[in-house]
Amino acid sequence: MRRTRFHSAILTVGVVALVVIGAAGGAQAKKPSLSATPVFKLNLKPSQEVPKIKKLKANAVGHVTFDLTRNTSGAITSGEVIFYFNYKFPDDVVISGLHIHQGAKGANGGVVVDSGTSESDSDGQGNLTKVVSASPTTLQAILDNPRNYYVNLHTTTPPHPDGALRQQMSNPKKR
């Protein structure tokens, strides 16, 4: 009888210890960050285009921000993409597009988020800010594998309709 009580006590202590350890481990499990705003900082360059553009002295520095709405389980339910870039070209420029494309480094791919940009600038320097909606599926796909996407800026003057400046996306910062 004494031996049975001893084993029962050890078994009870063991079960309680497992429950406490499990609860502590569960508290440390990562939950989705519901308020995080992913920000992709970028420096678009002609040397990143495919094929490389060698004689264009231009760049665009800025970021692409995802303003996301999520449900209680963390799934994206809607979102906007905010494009913000300061650009510099040697002469006047006509910007015909600013997009997020799906494509690995060194490869071209189709547009998945179009900013709707079309602007001309007489001195080649300026700022672009565009806000557009994107599907939750597209936003999640970019967040799941950002290195499989790139941002590029297209121009008709100088003539680079397939893209003048580009940079591959990478892991975002959270604001």
Protein backbone atom coordinates (compact mmCIF):
# COMPACT_ATOMS: atom_id res chain seq x y z
CA MET A 1 0.00 0.00 0.00
CA ARG A 2 2.81 2.40 0.92
CA ARG A 3 4.60 1.62 -2.34
CA THR A 4 1.42 2.34 -4.36
CA ARG A 5 0.98 5.76 -2.71
CA PHE A 6 4.64 6.57 -3.36
CA HIS A 7 4.32 5.67 -7.07
CA SER A 8 1.06 7.61 -7.31
CA ALA A 9 2.72 10.66 -5.76
CA ILE A 10 5.68 10.44 -8.18
CA LEU A 11 3.31 9.96 -11.11
CA THR A 12 1.25 12.99 -10.03
CA VAL A 13 4.36 15.17 -9.65
CA GLY A 14 5.55 14.02 -13.09
CA VAL A 15 2.23 14.83 -14.75
CA VAL A 16 2.08 18.26 -13.08
CA ALA A 17 5.66 18.97 -14.18
CA LEU A 18 4.83 18.04 -17.79
CA VAL A 19 1.75 20.28 -17.75
CA VAL A 20 3.77 23.22 -16.35
CA ILE A 21 6.58 22.70 -18.87
CA GLY A 22 4.09 22.38 -21.73
CA ALA A 23 2.29 25.56 -20.67
CA ALA A 24 5.57 27.46 -20.46
CA GLY A 25 6.61 26.21 -23.88
CA GLY A 26 3.24 27.17 -25.30
CA ALA A 27 3.59 30.68 -23.92
CA GLN A 28 6.91 31.01 -25.77
CA ALA A 29 5.50 29.83 -29.10
CA LYS A 30 5.53 32.57 -31.73
CA LYS A 31 2.19 34.07 -32.53
CA PRO A 32 1.73 36.12 -35.68
CA SER A 33 2.45 39.79 -35.19
CA LEU A 34 -0.94 41.30 -35.90
CA SER A 35 0.15 44.94 -35.87
CA ALA A 36 3.49 44.59 -37.66
CA THR A 37 3.85 46.67 -40.80
CA PRO A 38 6.47 45.14 -43.14
CA VAL A 39 8.77 47.70 -44.77
CA PHE A 40 11.09 46.71 -47.63
CA LYS A 41 13.95 49.21 -47.92
CA LEU A 42 15.27 49.39 -51.47
CA ASN A 43 17.91 51.07 -53.63
CA LEU A 44 16.90 50.57 -57.26
CA LYS A 45 19.84 50.56 -59.69
CA PRO A 46 20.28 50.03 -63.45
CA SER A 47 22.97 47.41 -62.78
CA GLN A 48 20.30 45.15 -61.22
CA GLU A 49 18.14 45.05 -64.36
CA VAL A 50 18.12 41.90 -66.52
CA PRO A 51 20.00 42.44 -68.75
CA LYS A 52 22.14 45.00 -66.90
CA ILE A 53 21.95 48.61 -68.06
CA LYS A 54 25.53 49.89 -68.04
CA LYS A 55 25.46 53.51 -69.20
CA LEU A 56 22.59 54.92 -67.17
CA LYS A 57 23.61 56.99 -64.14
CA ALA A 58 20.39 56.86 -62.14
CA ASN A 59 18.91 55.42 -58.98
CA ALA A 60 15.81 55.43 -56.80
CA VAL A 61 16.04 55.05 -53.03
CA GLY A 62 13.01 54.36 -50.90
CA HIS A 63 10.75 51.66 -49.61
CA VAL A 64 7.70 49.55 -50.21
CA THR A 65 5.43 49.22 -47.17
CA PHE A 66 2.58 46.77 -46.67
CA ASP A 67 -0.28 48.22 -44.64
CA LEU A 68 -2.06 45.02 -43.63
CA THR A 69 -5.33 44.11 -41.99
CA ARG A 70 -5.33 40.70 -40.33
CA ASN A 71 -7.93 38.55 -38.63
CA THR A 72 -7.51 37.22 -35.08
CA SER A 73 -5.61 34.16 -36.31
CA GLY A 74 -3.09 36.38 -38.13
CA ALA A 75 -4.23 35.77 -41.71
CA ILE A 76 -4.13 38.78 -44.03
CA THR A 77 -7.66 39.87 -44.93
CA SER A 78 -6.79 43.01 -46.92
CA GLY A 79 -3.90 45.31 -47.56
CA GLU A 80 -2.39 48.23 -49.36
CA VAL A 81 1.07 48.63 -50.82
CA ILE A 82 2.71 52.01 -50.34
CA PHE A 83 5.49 52.84 -52.82
CA TYR A 84 7.76 55.71 -51.75
CA PHE A 85 10.89 56.52 -53.77
CA ASN A 86 13.21 59.45 -54.35
CA TYR A 87 14.66 59.12 -57.85
CA LYS A 88 17.53 60.77 -59.66
CA PHE A 89 18.23 60.64 -63.39
CA PRO A 90 20.85 62.70 -65.27
CA ASP A 91 18.23 64.49 -67.41
CA ASP A 92 14.49 64.77 -67.82
CA VAL A 93 12.62 61.52 -67.30
CA VAL A 94 9.24 60.04 -68.14
CA ILE A 95 8.41 57.27 -65.68
CA SER A 96 6.04 54.76 -67.20
CA GLY A 97 5.76 52.25 -64.38
CA LEU A 98 6.72 51.22 -60.86
CA HIS A 99 5.89 47.61 -60.03
CA ILE A 100 6.52 44.56 -57.91
CA HIS A 101 7.34 41.63 -60.19
CA GLN A 102 7.58 37.93 -59.39
CA GLY A 103 11.02 36.71 -60.39
CA ALA A 104 14.20 35.44 -58.79
CA LYS A 105 17.46 37.37 -58.91
CA GLY A 106 18.79 37.37 -62.47
CA ALA A 107 15.39 36.55 -64.00
CA ASN A 108 12.50 38.65 -65.23
CA GLY A 109 8.90 37.97 -64.30
CA GLY A 110 5.38 39.27 -64.48
CA VAL A 111 3.91 42.21 -62.59
CA VAL A 112 2.05 41.20 -59.39
CA VAL A 113 1.50 44.71 -57.92
CA ASP A 114 1.18 47.73 -60.23
CA SER A 115 1.51 51.19 -58.68
CA GLY A 116 -0.24 52.83 -61.63
CA THR A 117 2.60 55.34 -61.89
CA SER A 118 3.00 57.51 -64.96
CA GLU A 119 4.89 60.75 -64.43
CA SER A 120 7.27 63.07 -66.22
CA ASP A 121 9.90 65.26 -64.64
CA SER A 122 11.83 68.04 -66.34
CA ASP A 123 14.98 67.92 -64.20
CA GLY A 124 15.23 64.13 -63.63
CA GLN A 125 14.84 64.31 -59.86
CA GLY A 126 11.78 63.80 -57.76
CA ASN A 127 9.67 61.73 -55.47
CA LEU A 128 7.08 59.05 -56.19
CA THR A 129 4.45 58.10 -53.65
CA LYS A 130 1.68 55.71 -54.65
CA VAL A 131 -0.80 53.69 -52.60
CA VAL A 132 -2.55 50.72 -54.20
CA SER A 133 -4.61 47.77 -53.01
CA ALA A 134 -3.28 44.23 -53.39
CA SER A 135 -4.87 40.86 -52.80
CA PRO A 136 -4.24 39.08 -49.50
CA THR A 137 -2.92 36.07 -51.46
CA THR A 138 -0.33 38.20 -53.28
CA LEU A 139 0.76 39.99 -50.11
CA GLN A 140 1.18 36.71 -48.22
CA ALA A 141 3.12 35.15 -51.10
CA ILE A 142 5.57 38.07 -51.11
CA LEU A 143 5.99 37.90 -47.32
CA ASP A 144 6.53 34.12 -47.48
CA ASN A 145 9.34 34.41 -50.04
CA PRO A 146 10.36 38.05 -50.65
CA ARG A 147 13.57 37.06 -52.47
CA ASN A 148 11.39 35.70 -55.27
CA TYR A 149 10.14 39.24 -56.02
CA TYR A 150 11.70 42.47 -57.21
CA VAL A 151 10.72 46.10 -57.60
CA ASN A 152 11.51 48.02 -60.75
CA LEU A 153 10.91 51.38 -62.28
CA HIS A 154 10.23 51.68 -66.02
CA THR A 155 10.94 54.75 -68.18
CA THR A 156 10.13 55.83 -71.70
CA THR A 157 12.59 58.76 -71.54
CA PRO A 158 15.30 57.57 -71.38
CA PRO A 159 13.87 54.56 -73.25
CA HIS A 160 13.77 51.62 -70.81
CA PRO A 161 10.18 50.36 -71.07
CA ASP A 162 11.17 46.93 -69.69
CA GLY A 163 12.77 48.52 -66.63
CA ALA A 164 15.47 51.08 -65.90
CA LEU A 165 16.06 50.51 -62.17
CA ARG A 166 15.60 47.37 -60.10
CA GLN A 167 16.31 45.68 -56.79
CA GLN A 168 15.41 42.26 -55.47
CA MET A 169 13.27 42.31 -52.34
CA SER A 170 14.53 40.73 -49.12
CA ASN A 171 13.27 40.30 -45.58
CA PRO A 172 11.32 43.37 -44.47
CA LYS A 173 11.81 45.45 -41.37
CA LYS A 174 8.76 45.82 -39.13
CA ARG A 175 7.48 49.20 -38.15
